[in-house]
Full PDB file with SEQRES, HELIX, SHEET, SSBOND, CRYST1, ORIGX, SCALE, CONECT and MASTER records, all heavy atoms in Angstrom:
SEQRES   1 A   33  ILE LEU GLU ALA GLU ASP VAL LYS ARG ARG ASP ALA SER          
SEQRES   2 A   33  LEU ARG ALA ARG ILE LYS ASP PHE LEU LYS ARG ALA LEU          
SEQRES   3 A   33  SER ARG ILE VAL ASP TYR ARG                                  
HELIX    1 AA1 LEU A    2  ILE A   29  1                                  28    
CRYST1    1.000    1.000    1.000  90.00  90.00  90.00 P 1           1          
ORIGX1      1.000000  0.000000  0.000000        0.00000                         
ORIGX2      0.000000  1.000000  0.000000        0.00000                         
ORIGX3      0.000000  0.000000  1.000000        0.00000                         
SCALE1      1.000000  0.000000  0.000000        0.00000                         
SCALE2      0.000000  1.000000  0.000000        0.00000                         
SCALE3      0.000000  0.000000  1.000000        0.00000                         
ATOM      1  N   ILE A   1     -19.870   9.002 -11.062  1.00  0.00           N  
ATOM      2  CA  ILE A   1     -19.245   9.498  -9.824  1.00  0.00           C  
ATOM      3  C   ILE A   1     -18.980   8.353  -8.861  1.00  0.00           C  
ATOM      4  O   ILE A   1     -17.896   8.253  -8.268  1.00  0.00           O  
ATOM      5  CB  ILE A   1     -20.146  10.561  -9.165  1.00  0.00           C  
ATOM      6  CG1 ILE A   1     -20.210  11.818 -10.046  1.00  0.00           C  
ATOM      7  CG2 ILE A   1     -19.636  10.909  -7.772  1.00  0.00           C  
ATOM      8  CD1 ILE A   1     -21.208  12.847  -9.570  1.00  0.00           C  
ATOM      9  N   LEU A   2     -19.984   7.461  -8.713  1.00  0.00           N  
ATOM     10  CA  LEU A   2     -19.827   6.325  -7.807  1.00  0.00           C  
ATOM     11  C   LEU A   2     -18.707   5.398  -8.273  1.00  0.00           C  
ATOM     12  O   LEU A   2     -17.925   4.881  -7.470  1.00  0.00           O  
ATOM     13  CB  LEU A   2     -21.143   5.551  -7.705  1.00  0.00           C  
ATOM     14  CG  LEU A   2     -22.296   6.283  -6.999  1.00  0.00           C  
ATOM     15  CD1 LEU A   2     -23.580   5.453  -7.065  1.00  0.00           C  
ATOM     16  CD2 LEU A   2     -21.928   6.568  -5.540  1.00  0.00           C  
ATOM     17  N   GLU A   3     -18.625   5.202  -9.586  1.00  0.00           N  
ATOM     18  CA  GLU A   3     -17.571   4.358 -10.137  1.00  0.00           C  
ATOM     19  C   GLU A   3     -16.200   4.964  -9.903  1.00  0.00           C  
ATOM     20  O   GLU A   3     -15.242   4.279  -9.553  1.00  0.00           O  
ATOM     21  CB  GLU A   3     -17.801   4.153 -11.634  1.00  0.00           C  
ATOM     22  CG  GLU A   3     -16.784   3.203 -12.270  1.00  0.00           C  
ATOM     23  CD  GLU A   3     -17.052   2.981 -13.749  1.00  0.00           C  
ATOM     24  OE1 GLU A   3     -18.041   3.541 -14.265  1.00  0.00           O  
ATOM     25  OE2 GLU A   3     -16.266   2.250 -14.382  1.00  0.00           O  
ATOM     26  N   ALA A   4     -16.111   6.288 -10.084  1.00  0.00           N  
ATOM     27  CA  ALA A   4     -14.834   6.973  -9.860  1.00  0.00           C  
ATOM     28  C   ALA A   4     -14.408   6.874  -8.396  1.00  0.00           C  
ATOM     29  O   ALA A   4     -13.232   6.663  -8.089  1.00  0.00           O  
ATOM     30  CB  ALA A   4     -14.954   8.435 -10.283  1.00  0.00           C  
ATOM     31  N   GLU A   5     -15.370   7.037  -7.474  1.00  0.00           N  
ATOM     32  CA  GLU A   5     -15.062   6.929  -6.055  1.00  0.00           C  
ATOM     33  C   GLU A   5     -14.605   5.519  -5.705  1.00  0.00           C  
ATOM     34  O   GLU A   5     -13.700   5.320  -4.902  1.00  0.00           O  
ATOM     35  CB  GLU A   5     -16.294   7.312  -5.216  1.00  0.00           C  
ATOM     36  CG  GLU A   5     -16.654   8.780  -5.271  1.00  0.00           C  
ATOM     37  CD  GLU A   5     -15.553   9.648  -4.692  1.00  0.00           C  
ATOM     38  OE1 GLU A   5     -14.888   9.224  -3.713  1.00  0.00           O  
ATOM     39  OE2 GLU A   5     -15.329  10.752  -5.224  1.00  0.00           O  
ATOM     40  N   ASP A   6     -15.229   4.524  -6.334  1.00  0.00           N  
ATOM     41  CA  ASP A   6     -14.844   3.134  -6.090  1.00  0.00           C  
ATOM     42  C   ASP A   6     -13.423   2.872  -6.568  1.00  0.00           C  
ATOM     43  O   ASP A   6     -12.643   2.176  -5.909  1.00  0.00           O  
ATOM     44  CB  ASP A   6     -15.828   2.195  -6.798  1.00  0.00           C  
ATOM     45  CG  ASP A   6     -15.539   0.735  -6.490  1.00  0.00           C  
ATOM     46  OD1 ASP A   6     -15.494   0.382  -5.294  1.00  0.00           O  
ATOM     47  OD2 ASP A   6     -15.345  -0.039  -7.446  1.00  0.00           O  
ATOM     48  N   VAL A   7     -13.086   3.433  -7.727  1.00  0.00           N  
ATOM     49  CA  VAL A   7     -11.736   3.293  -8.254  1.00  0.00           C  
ATOM     50  C   VAL A   7     -10.727   3.919  -7.301  1.00  0.00           C  
ATOM     51  O   VAL A   7      -9.654   3.348  -7.035  1.00  0.00           O  
ATOM     52  CB  VAL A   7     -11.624   3.920  -9.657  1.00  0.00           C  
ATOM     53  CG1 VAL A   7     -10.166   3.988 -10.096  1.00  0.00           C  
ATOM     54  CG2 VAL A   7     -12.437   3.132 -10.670  1.00  0.00           C  
ATOM     55  N   LYS A   8     -11.053   5.091  -6.762  1.00  0.00           N  
ATOM     56  CA  LYS A   8     -10.153   5.769  -5.823  1.00  0.00           C  
ATOM     57  C   LYS A   8      -9.930   4.919  -4.585  1.00  0.00           C  
ATOM     58  O   LYS A   8      -8.810   4.796  -4.083  1.00  0.00           O  
ATOM     59  CB  LYS A   8     -10.728   7.130  -5.427  1.00  0.00           C  
ATOM     60  CG  LYS A   8     -10.656   8.178  -6.515  1.00  0.00           C  
ATOM     61  CD  LYS A   8     -11.233   9.496  -6.002  1.00  0.00           C  
ATOM     62  CE  LYS A   8     -11.189  10.573  -7.083  1.00  0.00           C  
ATOM     63  NZ  LYS A   8     -11.769  11.862  -6.603  1.00  0.00           N  
ATOM     64  N   ARG A   9     -11.019   4.326  -4.068  1.00  0.00           N  
ATOM     65  CA  ARG A   9     -10.897   3.499  -2.880  1.00  0.00           C  
ATOM     66  C   ARG A   9     -10.037   2.266  -3.140  1.00  0.00           C  
ATOM     67  O   ARG A   9      -9.192   1.893  -2.332  1.00  0.00           O  
ATOM     68  CB  ARG A   9     -12.282   3.076  -2.380  1.00  0.00           C  
ATOM     69  CG  ARG A   9     -13.056   4.172  -1.654  1.00  0.00           C  
ATOM     70  CD  ARG A   9     -14.249   3.606  -0.914  1.00  0.00           C  
ATOM     71  NE  ARG A   9     -15.230   3.032  -1.835  1.00  0.00           N  
ATOM     72  CZ  ARG A   9     -16.241   3.719  -2.363  1.00  0.00           C  
ATOM     73  NH1 ARG A   9     -16.389   5.001  -2.054  1.00  0.00           N  
ATOM     74  NH2 ARG A   9     -17.091   3.145  -3.179  1.00  0.00           N  
ATOM     75  N   ARG A  10     -10.251   1.654  -4.303  1.00  0.00           N  
ATOM     76  CA  ARG A  10      -9.457   0.475  -4.633  1.00  0.00           C  
ATOM     77  C   ARG A  10      -7.982   0.834  -4.822  1.00  0.00           C  
ATOM     78  O   ARG A  10      -7.089   0.095  -4.402  1.00  0.00           O  
ATOM     79  CB  ARG A  10     -10.019  -0.192  -5.893  1.00  0.00           C  
ATOM     80  CG  ARG A  10     -11.301  -0.991  -5.634  1.00  0.00           C  
ATOM     81  CD  ARG A  10     -11.783  -1.669  -6.892  1.00  0.00           C  
ATOM     82  NE  ARG A  10     -12.167  -0.683  -7.901  1.00  0.00           N  
ATOM     83  CZ  ARG A  10     -12.553  -0.996  -9.132  1.00  0.00           C  
ATOM     84  NH1 ARG A  10     -12.584  -2.246  -9.524  1.00  0.00           N  
ATOM     85  NH2 ARG A  10     -12.894  -0.051  -9.990  1.00  0.00           N  
ATOM     86  N   ASP A  11      -7.730   1.982  -5.463  1.00  0.00           N  
ATOM     87  CA  ASP A  11      -6.341   2.427  -5.654  1.00  0.00           C  
ATOM     88  C   ASP A  11      -5.668   2.700  -4.315  1.00  0.00           C  
ATOM     89  O   ASP A  11      -4.511   2.331  -4.097  1.00  0.00           O  
ATOM     90  CB  ASP A  11      -6.304   3.687  -6.525  1.00  0.00           C  
ATOM     91  CG  ASP A  11      -6.573   3.395  -7.996  1.00  0.00           C  
ATOM     92  OD1 ASP A  11      -6.563   2.203  -8.351  1.00  0.00           O  
ATOM     93  OD2 ASP A  11      -6.789   4.356  -8.758  1.00  0.00           O  
ATOM     94  N   ALA A  12      -6.412   3.362  -3.421  1.00  0.00           N  
ATOM     95  CA  ALA A  12      -5.861   3.672  -2.099  1.00  0.00           C  
ATOM     96  C   ALA A  12      -5.566   2.393  -1.332  1.00  0.00           C  
ATOM     97  O   ALA A  12      -4.529   2.267  -0.656  1.00  0.00           O  
ATOM     98  CB  ALA A  12      -6.828   4.549  -1.312  1.00  0.00           C  
ATOM     99  N   SER A  13      -6.477   1.420  -1.439  1.00  0.00           N  
ATOM    100  CA  SER A  13      -6.279   0.142  -0.755  1.00  0.00           C  
ATOM    101  C   SER A  13      -5.067  -0.582  -1.323  1.00  0.00           C  
ATOM    102  O   SER A  13      -4.267  -1.163  -0.580  1.00  0.00           O  
ATOM    103  CB  SER A  13      -7.532  -0.722  -0.901  1.00  0.00           C  
ATOM    104  OG  SER A  13      -7.335  -1.994  -0.336  1.00  0.00           O  
ATOM    105  N   LEU A  14      -4.912  -0.542  -2.650  1.00  0.00           N  
ATOM    106  CA  LEU A  14      -3.774  -1.201  -3.286  1.00  0.00           C  
ATOM    107  C   LEU A  14      -2.464  -0.554  -2.859  1.00  0.00           C  
ATOM    108  O   LEU A  14      -1.489  -1.237  -2.544  1.00  0.00           O  
ATOM    109  CB  LEU A  14      -3.926  -1.144  -4.810  1.00  0.00           C  
ATOM    110  CG  LEU A  14      -2.782  -1.761  -5.625  1.00  0.00           C  
ATOM    111  CD1 LEU A  14      -2.620  -3.238  -5.278  1.00  0.00           C  
ATOM    112  CD2 LEU A  14      -3.036  -1.566  -7.121  1.00  0.00           C  
ATOM    113  N   ARG A  15      -2.437   0.802  -2.836  1.00  0.00           N  
ATOM    114  CA  ARG A  15      -1.222   1.505  -2.421  1.00  0.00           C  
ATOM    115  C   ARG A  15      -0.855   1.158  -0.981  1.00  0.00           C  
ATOM    116  O   ARG A  15       0.317   0.979  -0.649  1.00  0.00           O  
ATOM    117  CB  ARG A  15      -1.404   3.014  -2.580  1.00  0.00           C  
ATOM    118  CG  ARG A  15      -1.375   3.503  -4.019  1.00  0.00           C  
ATOM    119  CD  ARG A  15      -1.191   5.004  -4.076  1.00  0.00           C  
ATOM    120  NE  ARG A  15      -2.291   5.707  -3.435  1.00  0.00           N  
ATOM    121  CZ  ARG A  15      -3.393   6.094  -4.063  1.00  0.00           C  
ATOM    122  NH1 ARG A  15      -3.534   5.851  -5.362  1.00  0.00           N  
ATOM    123  NH2 ARG A  15      -4.355   6.736  -3.417  1.00  0.00           N  
ATOM    124  N   ALA A  16      -1.878   1.063  -0.128  1.00  0.00           N  
ATOM    125  CA  ALA A  16      -1.632   0.727   1.277  1.00  0.00           C  
ATOM    126  C   ALA A  16      -1.060  -0.676   1.410  1.00  0.00           C  
ATOM    127  O   ALA A  16      -0.137  -0.914   2.200  1.00  0.00           O  
ATOM    128  CB  ALA A  16      -2.925   0.847   2.075  1.00  0.00           C  
ATOM    129  N   ARG A  17      -1.586  -1.623   0.608  1.00  0.00           N  
ATOM    130  CA  ARG A  17      -1.084  -2.998   0.663  1.00  0.00           C  
ATOM    131  C   ARG A  17       0.347  -3.078   0.145  1.00  0.00           C  
ATOM    132  O   ARG A  17       1.183  -3.797   0.702  1.00  0.00           O  
ATOM    133  CB  ARG A  17      -1.998  -3.932  -0.134  1.00  0.00           C  
ATOM    134  CG  ARG A  17      -3.353  -4.166   0.505  1.00  0.00           C  
ATOM    135  CD  ARG A  17      -4.012  -5.420  -0.059  1.00  0.00           C  
ATOM    136  NE  ARG A  17      -4.233  -5.309  -1.491  1.00  0.00           N  
ATOM    137  CZ  ARG A  17      -5.329  -4.818  -2.054  1.00  0.00           C  
ATOM    138  NH1 ARG A  17      -6.305  -4.358  -1.282  1.00  0.00           N  
ATOM    139  NH2 ARG A  17      -5.460  -4.784  -3.378  1.00  0.00           N  
ATOM    140  N   ILE A  18       0.641  -2.335  -0.924  1.00  0.00           N  
ATOM    141  CA  ILE A  18       2.001  -2.323  -1.465  1.00  0.00           C  
ATOM    142  C   ILE A  18       2.976  -1.728  -0.451  1.00  0.00           C  
ATOM    143  O   ILE A  18       4.071  -2.252  -0.231  1.00  0.00           O  
ATOM    144  CB  ILE A  18       2.052  -1.543  -2.798  1.00  0.00           C  
ATOM    145  CG1 ILE A  18       1.269  -2.304  -3.886  1.00  0.00           C  
ATOM    146  CG2 ILE A  18       3.497  -1.316  -3.244  1.00  0.00           C  
ATOM    147  CD1 ILE A  18       1.123  -1.531  -5.175  1.00  0.00           C  
ATOM    148  N   LYS A  19       2.575  -0.617   0.159  1.00  0.00           N  
ATOM    149  CA  LYS A  19       3.427   0.039   1.155  1.00  0.00           C  
ATOM    150  C   LYS A  19       3.697  -0.895   2.329  1.00  0.00           C  
ATOM    151  O   LYS A  19       4.833  -1.000   2.813  1.00  0.00           O  
ATOM    152  CB  LYS A  19       2.753   1.326   1.639  1.00  0.00           C  
ATOM    153  CG  LYS A  19       3.581   2.127   2.620  1.00  0.00           C  
ATOM    154  CD  LYS A  19       2.864   3.408   3.010  1.00  0.00           C  
ATOM    155  CE  LYS A  19       3.692   4.216   3.998  1.00  0.00           C  
ATOM    156  NZ  LYS A  19       2.996   5.468   4.382  1.00  0.00           N  
ATOM    157  N   ASP A  20       2.650  -1.591   2.780  1.00  0.00           N  
ATOM    158  CA  ASP A  20       2.817  -2.521   3.901  1.00  0.00           C  
ATOM    159  C   ASP A  20       3.733  -3.681   3.505  1.00  0.00           C  
ATOM    160  O   ASP A  20       4.588  -4.100   4.279  1.00  0.00           O  
ATOM    161  CB  ASP A  20       1.445  -3.047   4.336  1.00  0.00           C  
ATOM    162  CG  ASP A  20       1.547  -3.998   5.523  1.00  0.00           C  
ATOM    163  OD1 ASP A  20       1.983  -3.554   6.595  1.00  0.00           O  
ATOM    164  OD2 ASP A  20       1.200  -5.185   5.359  1.00  0.00           O  
ATOM    165  N   PHE A  21       3.556  -4.186   2.276  1.00  0.00           N  
ATOM    166  CA  PHE A  21       4.401  -5.282   1.805  1.00  0.00           C  
ATOM    167  C   PHE A  21       5.869  -4.866   1.751  1.00  0.00           C  
ATOM    168  O   PHE A  21       6.755  -5.593   2.208  1.00  0.00           O  
ATOM    169  CB  PHE A  21       3.934  -5.743   0.421  1.00  0.00           C  
ATOM    170  CG  PHE A  21       4.883  -6.707  -0.237  1.00  0.00           C  
ATOM    171  CD1 PHE A  21       4.907  -8.040   0.133  1.00  0.00           C  
ATOM    172  CD2 PHE A  21       5.768  -6.269  -1.223  1.00  0.00           C  
ATOM    173  CE1 PHE A  21       5.802  -8.936  -0.460  1.00  0.00           C  
ATOM    174  CE2 PHE A  21       6.651  -7.152  -1.828  1.00  0.00           C  
ATOM    175  CZ  PHE A  21       6.666  -8.489  -1.448  1.00  0.00           C  
ATOM    176  N   LEU A  22       6.129  -3.673   1.192  1.00  0.00           N  
ATOM    177  CA  LEU A  22       7.506  -3.201   1.088  1.00  0.00           C  
ATOM    178  C   LEU A  22       8.123  -2.974   2.461  1.00  0.00           C  
ATOM    179  O   LEU A  22       9.300  -3.274   2.691  1.00  0.00           O  
ATOM    180  CB  LEU A  22       7.553  -1.910   0.262  1.00  0.00           C  
ATOM    181  CG  LEU A  22       7.237  -2.053  -1.229  1.00  0.00           C  
ATOM    182  CD1 LEU A  22       7.180  -0.681  -1.886  1.00  0.00           C  
ATOM    183  CD2 LEU A  22       8.265  -2.938  -1.922  1.00  0.00           C  
ATOM    184  N   LYS A  23       7.307  -2.444   3.371  1.00  0.00           N  
ATOM    185  CA  LYS A  23       7.804  -2.186   4.715  1.00  0.00           C  
ATOM    186  C   LYS A  23       8.189  -3.492   5.408  1.00  0.00           C  
ATOM    187  O   LYS A  23       9.243  -3.592   6.034  1.00  0.00           O  
ATOM    188  CB  LYS A  23       6.738  -1.450   5.527  1.00  0.00           C  
ATOM    189  CG  LYS A  23       7.191  -1.035   6.915  1.00  0.00           C  
ATOM    190  CD  LYS A  23       6.098  -0.238   7.616  1.00  0.00           C  
ATOM    191  CE  LYS A  23       6.548   0.184   9.008  1.00  0.00           C  
ATOM    192  NZ  LYS A  23       5.499   0.969   9.699  1.00  0.00           N  
ATOM    193  N   ARG A  24       7.331  -4.510   5.266  1.00  0.00           N  
ATOM    194  CA  ARG A  24       7.629  -5.797   5.895  1.00  0.00           C  
ATOM    195  C   ARG A  24       8.814  -6.481   5.222  1.00  0.00           C  
ATOM    196  O   ARG A  24       9.649  -7.091   5.884  1.00  0.00           O  
ATOM    197  CB  ARG A  24       6.389  -6.697   5.856  1.00  0.00           C  
ATOM    198  CG  ARG A  24       5.313  -6.276   6.853  1.00  0.00           C  
ATOM    199  CD  ARG A  24       4.159  -7.264   6.947  1.00  0.00           C  
ATOM    200  NE  ARG A  24       3.294  -7.188   5.783  1.00  0.00           N  
ATOM    201  CZ  ARG A  24       3.214  -8.110   4.836  1.00  0.00           C  
ATOM    202  NH1 ARG A  24       3.977  -9.185   4.906  1.00  0.00           N  
ATOM    203  NH2 ARG A  24       2.384  -7.974   3.826  1.00  0.00           N  
ATOM    204  N   ALA A  25       8.891  -6.342   3.896  1.00  0.00           N  
ATOM    205  CA  ALA A  25      10.008  -6.951   3.182  1.00  0.00           C  
ATOM    206  C   ALA A  25      11.331  -6.298   3.566  1.00  0.00           C  
ATOM    207  O   ALA A  25      12.337  -6.974   3.785  1.00  0.00           O  
ATOM    208  CB  ALA A  25       9.776  -6.841   1.677  1.00  0.00           C  
ATOM    209  N   LEU A  26      11.320  -4.957   3.660  1.00  0.00           N  
ATOM    210  CA  LEU A  26      12.534  -4.231   4.017  1.00  0.00           C  
ATOM    211  C   LEU A  26      12.976  -4.573   5.429  1.00  0.00           C  
ATOM    212  O   LEU A  26      14.175  -4.708   5.698  1.00  0.00           O  
ATOM    213  CB  LEU A  26      12.301  -2.724   3.883  1.00  0.00           C  
ATOM    214  CG  LEU A  26      13.499  -1.819   4.153  1.00  0.00           C  
ATOM    215  CD1 LEU A  26      14.595  -2.095   3.137  1.00  0.00           C  
ATOM    216  CD2 LEU A  26      13.082  -0.358   4.097  1.00  0.00           C  
ATOM    217  N   SER A  27      11.999  -4.729   6.327  1.00  0.00           N  
ATOM    218  CA  SER A  27      12.347  -5.030   7.717  1.00  0.00           C  
ATOM    219  C   SER A  27      13.011  -6.390   7.850  1.00  0.00           C  
ATOM    220  O   SER A  27      13.755  -6.644   8.801  1.00  0.00           O  
ATOM    221  CB  SER A  27      11.100  -4.973   8.593  1.00  0.00           C  
ATOM    222  OG  SER A  27      10.207  -6.028   8.292  1.00  0.00           O  
ATOM    223  N   ARG A  28      12.764  -7.296   6.896  1.00  0.00           N  
ATOM    224  CA  ARG A  28      13.406  -8.598   6.930  1.00  0.00           C  
ATOM    225  C   ARG A  28      14.854  -8.519   6.437  1.00  0.00           C  
ATOM    226  O   ARG A  28      15.666  -9.385   6.746  1.00  0.00           O  
ATOM    227  CB  ARG A  28      12.630  -9.596   6.068  1.00  0.00           C  
ATOM    228  CG  ARG A  28      11.256  -9.940   6.621  1.00  0.00           C  
ATOM    229  CD  ARG A  28      10.493 -10.867   5.688  1.00  0.00           C  
ATOM    230  NE  ARG A  28       9.174 -11.176   6.210  1.00  0.00           N  
ATOM    231  CZ  ARG A  28       8.906 -12.166   7.041  1.00  0.00           C  
ATOM    232  NH1 ARG A  28       9.887 -12.954   7.437  1.00  0.00           N  
ATOM    233  NH2 ARG A  28       7.681 -12.388   7.456  1.00  0.00           N  
ATOM    234  N   ILE A  29      15.148  -7.503   5.651  1.00  0.00           N  
ATOM    235  CA  ILE A  29      16.488  -7.368   5.081  1.00  0.00           C  
ATOM    236  C   ILE A  29      17.379  -6.475   5.938  1.00  0.00           C  
ATOM    237  O   ILE A  29      18.513  -6.806   6.247  1.00  0.00           O  
ATOM    238  CB  ILE A  29      16.401  -6.794   3.648  1.00  0.00           C  
ATOM    239  CG1 ILE A  29      15.539  -7.716   2.769  1.00  0.00           C  
ATOM    240  CG2 ILE A  29      17.786  -6.609   3.047  1.00  0.00           C  
ATOM    241  CD1 ILE A  29      15.229  -7.132   1.421  1.00  0.00           C  
ATOM    242  N   VAL A  30      16.858  -5.320   6.336  1.00  0.00           N  
ATOM    243  CA  VAL A  30      17.657  -4.364   7.097  1.00  0.00           C  
ATOM    244  C   VAL A  30      16.852  -3.752   8.234  1.00  0.00           C  
ATOM    245  O   VAL A  30      15.623  -3.708   8.201  1.00  0.00           O  
ATOM    246  CB  VAL A  30      18.175  -3.209   6.201  1.00  0.00           C  
ATOM    247  CG1 VAL A  30      19.075  -3.716   5.109  1.00  0.00           C  
ATOM    248  CG2 VAL A  30      17.015  -2.403   5.634  1.00  0.00           C  
ATOM    249  N   ASP A  31      17.565  -3.329   9.250  1.00  0.00           N  
ATOM    250  CA  ASP A  31      17.028  -2.436  10.262  1.00  0.00           C  
ATOM    251  C   ASP A  31      17.579  -1.049   9.949  1.00  0.00           C  
ATOM    252  O   ASP A  31      18.663  -0.921   9.371  1.00  0.00           O  
ATOM    253  CB  ASP A  31      17.471  -2.868  11.661  1.00  0.00           C  
ATOM    254  CG  ASP A  31      16.804  -4.162  12.086  1.00  0.00           C  
ATOM    255  OD1 ASP A  31      15.659  -4.394  11.668  1.00  0.00           O  
ATOM    256  OD2 ASP A  31      17.448  -4.940  12.820  1.00  0.00           O  
ATOM    257  N   TYR A  32      16.861  -0.042  10.316  1.00  0.00           N  
ATOM    258  CA  TYR A  32      17.361   1.304  10.042  1.00  0.00           C  
ATOM    259  C   TYR A  32      16.941   2.257  11.151  1.00  0.00           C  
ATOM    260  O   TYR A  32      15.956   2.036  11.857  1.00  0.00           O  
ATOM    261  CB  TYR A  32      16.840   1.814   8.693  1.00  0.00           C  
ATOM    262  CG  TYR A  32      15.363   2.143   8.686  1.00  0.00           C  
ATOM    263  CD1 TYR A  32      14.911   3.437   8.946  1.00  0.00           C  
ATOM    264  CD2 TYR A  32      14.412   1.156   8.430  1.00  0.00           C  
ATOM    265  CE1 TYR A  32      13.566   3.739   8.950  1.00  0.00           C  
ATOM    266  CE2 TYR A  32      13.063   1.455   8.431  1.00  0.00           C  
ATOM    267  CZ  TYR A  32      12.646   2.748   8.693  1.00  0.00           C  
ATOM    268  OH  TYR A  32      11.305   3.046   8.714  1.00  0.00           O  
ATOM    269  N   ARG A  33      17.727   3.319  11.297  1.00  0.00           N  
ATOM    270  CA  ARG A  33      17.405   4.418  12.215  1.00  0.00           C  
ATOM    271  C   ARG A  33      17.744   5.716  11.493  1.00  0.00           C  
ATOM    272  O   ARG A  33      18.860   5.885  11.018  1.00  0.00           O  
ATOM    273  CB  ARG A  33      18.212   4.309  13.513  1.00  0.00           C  
ATOM    274  CG  ARG A  33      17.903   3.093  14.359  1.00  0.00           C  
ATOM    275  CD  ARG A  33      18.520   3.197  15.746  1.00  0.00           C  
ATOM    276  NE  ARG A  33      19.956   3.101  15.725  1.00  0.00           N  
ATOM    277  CZ  ARG A  33      20.655   2.050  16.160  1.00  0.00           C  
ATOM    278  NH1 ARG A  33      20.024   0.972  16.604  1.00  0.00           N  
ATOM    279  NH2 ARG A  33      21.973   2.054  16.132  1.00  0.00           N  
TER     280      ARG A  33                                                      
MASTER        0    0    0    1    0    0    0    6  279    1    0    3          
END                                                                             
């Protein structure tokens, strides 16, 4: 159970980092409304 929870936390952290990276990368290319 502890291992599974750790995996979930790491996955969530990875998704957050990817989302932040894409957001920053997109903001350098285009502005949008």
